Amino acid sequence: MMQTRRQRTVLSAQSKPHLKRHVRLQFDPVRSAWAVLSPEKVFWPDEVSLDILRLCDGQHTVPQIIDELAGQYDAPRQDIAPDVEEFLQEWSDRFLVTL
């Protein structure tokens, strides 16, 4: 029996993350909250996660996303970079974001 293994994509500074084709952000007016919809799964991102996902447009590189969020939250870039990178890698590993 032949087995295929998916090779893990690793985040880099050149990565331009974007939501996978089958994933979308949608506002739920009943809950007054944004949801991330993927086949058979719904995620309810917190405010910071939502801000990261909104910048996953395939245009911003990871450093640009970090710079943008550092400005929005008036936070030191070096403090938020590890969290943003970990978030993006995790969502890539879950097949929700393409790096």
C-alpha atoms as a PDB file:
ATOM      1  CA  MET A   1       0.000   0.000   0.000  1.00  0.00           C
ATOM      2  CA  MET A   2       1.373   3.362  -0.979  1.00  0.00           C
ATOM      3  CA  GLN A   3       1.140   6.163   1.529  1.00  0.00           C
ATOM      4  CA  THR A   4       1.491   9.820   0.757  1.00  0.00           C
ATOM      5  CA  ARG A   5       2.605  12.334   3.309  1.00  0.00           C
ATOM      6  CA  ARG A   6       1.944  16.010   3.118  1.00  0.00           C
ATOM      7  CA  GLN A   7       5.074  18.041   3.481  1.00  0.00           C
ATOM      8  CA  ARG A   8       4.783  20.768   6.099  1.00  0.00           C
ATOM      9  CA  THR A   9       5.139  24.301   4.787  1.00  0.00           C
ATOM     10  CA  VAL A  10       7.305  26.362   7.107  1.00  0.00           C
ATOM     11  CA  LEU A  11       6.726  30.056   7.644  1.00  0.00           C
ATOM     12  CA  SER A  12       9.419  32.406   6.327  1.00  0.00           C
ATOM     13  CA  ALA A  13       9.915  36.145   6.006  1.00  0.00           C
ATOM     14  CA  GLN A  14       8.949  35.870   2.323  1.00  0.00           C
ATOM     15  CA  SER A  15       5.654  34.118   3.089  1.00  0.00           C
ATOM     16  CA  LYS A  16       2.567  36.010   1.975  1.00  0.00           C
ATOM     17  CA  PRO A  17      -0.165  34.255   3.933  1.00  0.00           C
ATOM     18  CA  HIS A  18      -3.679  34.007   2.612  1.00  0.00           C
ATOM     19  CA  LEU A  19      -6.750  32.045   3.551  1.00  0.00           C
ATOM     20  CA  LYS A  20      -7.155  28.758   1.734  1.00  0.00           C
ATOM     21  CA  ARG A  21      -9.712  28.778  -1.048  1.00  0.00           C
ATOM     22  CA  HIS A  22     -12.204  26.816   1.067  1.00  0.00           C
ATOM     23  CA  VAL A  23     -11.856  29.161   4.079  1.00  0.00           C
ATOM     24  CA  ARG A  24     -13.595  32.477   4.563  1.00  0.00           C
ATOM     25  CA  LEU A  25     -14.278  35.101   7.173  1.00  0.00           C
ATOM     26  CA  GLN A  26     -17.923  35.873   7.749  1.00  0.00           C
ATOM     27  CA  PHE A  27     -19.693  38.123  10.225  1.00  0.00           C
ATOM     28  CA  ASP A  28     -22.452  36.393  12.179  1.00  0.00           C
ATOM     29  CA  PRO A  29     -25.056  39.042  13.043  1.00  0.00           C
ATOM     30  CA  VAL A  30     -26.787  36.752  15.561  1.00  0.00           C
ATOM     31  CA  ARG A  31     -23.636  36.440  17.672  1.00  0.00           C
ATOM     32  CA  SER A  32     -22.238  39.812  16.625  1.00  0.00           C
ATOM     33  CA  ALA A  33     -18.961  38.076  15.971  1.00  0.00           C
ATOM     34  CA  TRP A  34     -16.723  37.105  13.111  1.00  0.00           C
ATOM     35  CA  ALA A  35     -16.401  33.450  12.224  1.00  0.00           C
ATOM     36  CA  VAL A  36     -13.876  31.569  10.157  1.00  0.00           C
ATOM     37  CA  LEU A  37     -15.743  29.052   8.066  1.00  0.00           C
ATOM     38  CA  SER A  38     -14.150  25.990   6.562  1.00  0.00           C
ATOM     39  CA  PRO A  39     -15.800  22.767   5.472  1.00  0.00           C
ATOM     40  CA  GLU A  40     -17.443  21.199   8.524  1.00  0.00           C
ATOM     41  CA  LYS A  41     -15.653  23.536  10.931  1.00  0.00           C
ATOM     42  CA  VAL A  42     -16.327  26.944  12.385  1.00  0.00           C
ATOM     43  CA  PHE A  43     -13.774  28.923  14.357  1.00  0.00           C
ATOM     44  CA  TRP A  44     -14.510  31.978  16.466  1.00  0.00           C
ATOM     45  CA  PRO A  45     -11.327  34.044  16.430  1.00  0.00           C
ATOM     46  CA  ASP A  46     -10.594  36.555  19.159  1.00  0.00           C
ATOM     47  CA  GLU A  47      -9.899  40.177  18.248  1.00  0.00           C
ATOM     48  CA  VAL A  48      -6.148  39.737  17.764  1.00  0.00           C
ATOM     49  CA  SER A  49      -6.552  36.578  15.695  1.00  0.00           C
ATOM     50  CA  LEU A  50      -9.105  38.339  13.548  1.00  0.00           C
ATOM     51  CA  ASP A  51      -6.711  41.249  12.949  1.00  0.00           C
ATOM     52  CA  ILE A  52      -4.013  38.794  11.850  1.00  0.00           C
ATOM     53  CA  LEU A  53      -6.404  36.937   9.554  1.00  0.00           C
ATOM     54  CA  ARG A  54      -7.619  40.160   7.961  1.00  0.00           C
ATOM     55  CA  LEU A  55      -4.031  40.849   6.906  1.00  0.00           C
ATOM     56  CA  CYS A  56      -3.722  37.399   5.328  1.00  0.00           C
ATOM     57  CA  ASP A  57      -4.528  38.696   1.878  1.00  0.00           C
ATOM     58  CA  GLY A  58      -1.651  37.229  -0.124  1.00  0.00           C
ATOM     59  CA  GLN A  59      -0.183  40.736  -0.478  1.00  0.00           C
ATOM     60  CA  HIS A  60       1.390  41.292   2.945  1.00  0.00           C
ATOM     61  CA  THR A  61       4.578  39.448   3.885  1.00  0.00           C
ATOM     62  CA  VAL A  62       4.930  38.192   7.443  1.00  0.00           C
ATOM     63  CA  PRO A  63       7.193  41.133   8.447  1.00  0.00           C
ATOM     64  CA  GLN A  64       4.638  43.555   6.980  1.00  0.00           C
ATOM     65  CA  ILE A  65       1.839  41.884   8.965  1.00  0.00           C
ATOM     66  CA  ILE A  66       3.903  42.184  12.142  1.00  0.00           C
ATOM     67  CA  ASP A  67       4.691  45.846  11.423  1.00  0.00           C
ATOM     68  CA  GLU A  68       1.032  46.607  10.768  1.00  0.00           C
ATOM     69  CA  LEU A  69      -0.081  44.944  14.010  1.00  0.00           C
ATOM     70  CA  ALA A  70       2.707  46.611  16.008  1.00  0.00           C
ATOM     71  CA  GLY A  71       1.335  49.939  14.786  1.00  0.00           C
ATOM     72  CA  GLN A  72      -2.298  49.038  15.480  1.00  0.00           C
ATOM     73  CA  TYR A  73      -1.568  47.860  19.006  1.00  0.00           C
ATOM     74  CA  ASP A  74       1.231  50.324  19.712  1.00  0.00           C
ATOM     75  CA  ALA A  75       3.350  47.358  20.777  1.00  0.00           C
ATOM     76  CA  PRO A  76       7.043  46.619  20.274  1.00  0.00           C
ATOM     77  CA  ARG A  77       7.547  44.604  17.108  1.00  0.00           C
ATOM     78  CA  GLN A  78       9.836  42.110  18.823  1.00  0.00           C
ATOM     79  CA  ASP A  79       7.177  41.399  21.454  1.00  0.00           C
ATOM     80  CA  ILE A  80       4.412  40.456  19.037  1.00  0.00           C
ATOM     81  CA  ALA A  81       6.459  38.800  16.273  1.00  0.00           C
ATOM     82  CA  PRO A  82       6.723  35.370  17.972  1.00  0.00           C
ATOM     83  CA  ASP A  83       2.979  35.236  18.638  1.00  0.00           C
ATOM     84  CA  VAL A  84       2.075  36.233  15.078  1.00  0.00           C
ATOM     85  CA  GLU A  85       4.537  33.741  13.584  1.00  0.00           C
ATOM     86  CA  GLU A  86       3.287  30.935  15.839  1.00  0.00           C
ATOM     87  CA  PHE A  87      -0.322  31.734  14.972  1.00  0.00           C
ATOM     88  CA  LEU A  88       0.353  31.697  11.218  1.00  0.00           C
ATOM     89  CA  GLN A  89       2.345  28.466  11.386  1.00  0.00           C
ATOM     90  CA  GLU A  90      -0.403  26.795  13.411  1.00  0.00           C
ATOM     91  CA  TRP A  91      -3.125  27.879  11.002  1.00  0.00           C
ATOM     92  CA  SER A  92      -1.025  26.681   8.091  1.00  0.00           C
ATOM     93  CA  ASP A  93      -0.587  23.316   9.804  1.00  0.00           C
ATOM     94  CA  ARG A  94      -4.375  23.151  10.222  1.00  0.00           C
ATOM     95  CA  PHE A  95      -4.827  23.709   6.429  1.00  0.00           C
ATOM     96  CA  LEU A  96      -6.576  27.041   6.949  1.00  0.00           C
ATOM     97  CA  VAL A  97      -3.867  29.428   5.741  1.00  0.00           C
ATOM     98  CA  THR A  98      -1.492  29.108   2.821  1.00  0.00           C
ATOM     99  CA  LEU A  99       1.999  30.464   3.432  1.00  0.00           C
END
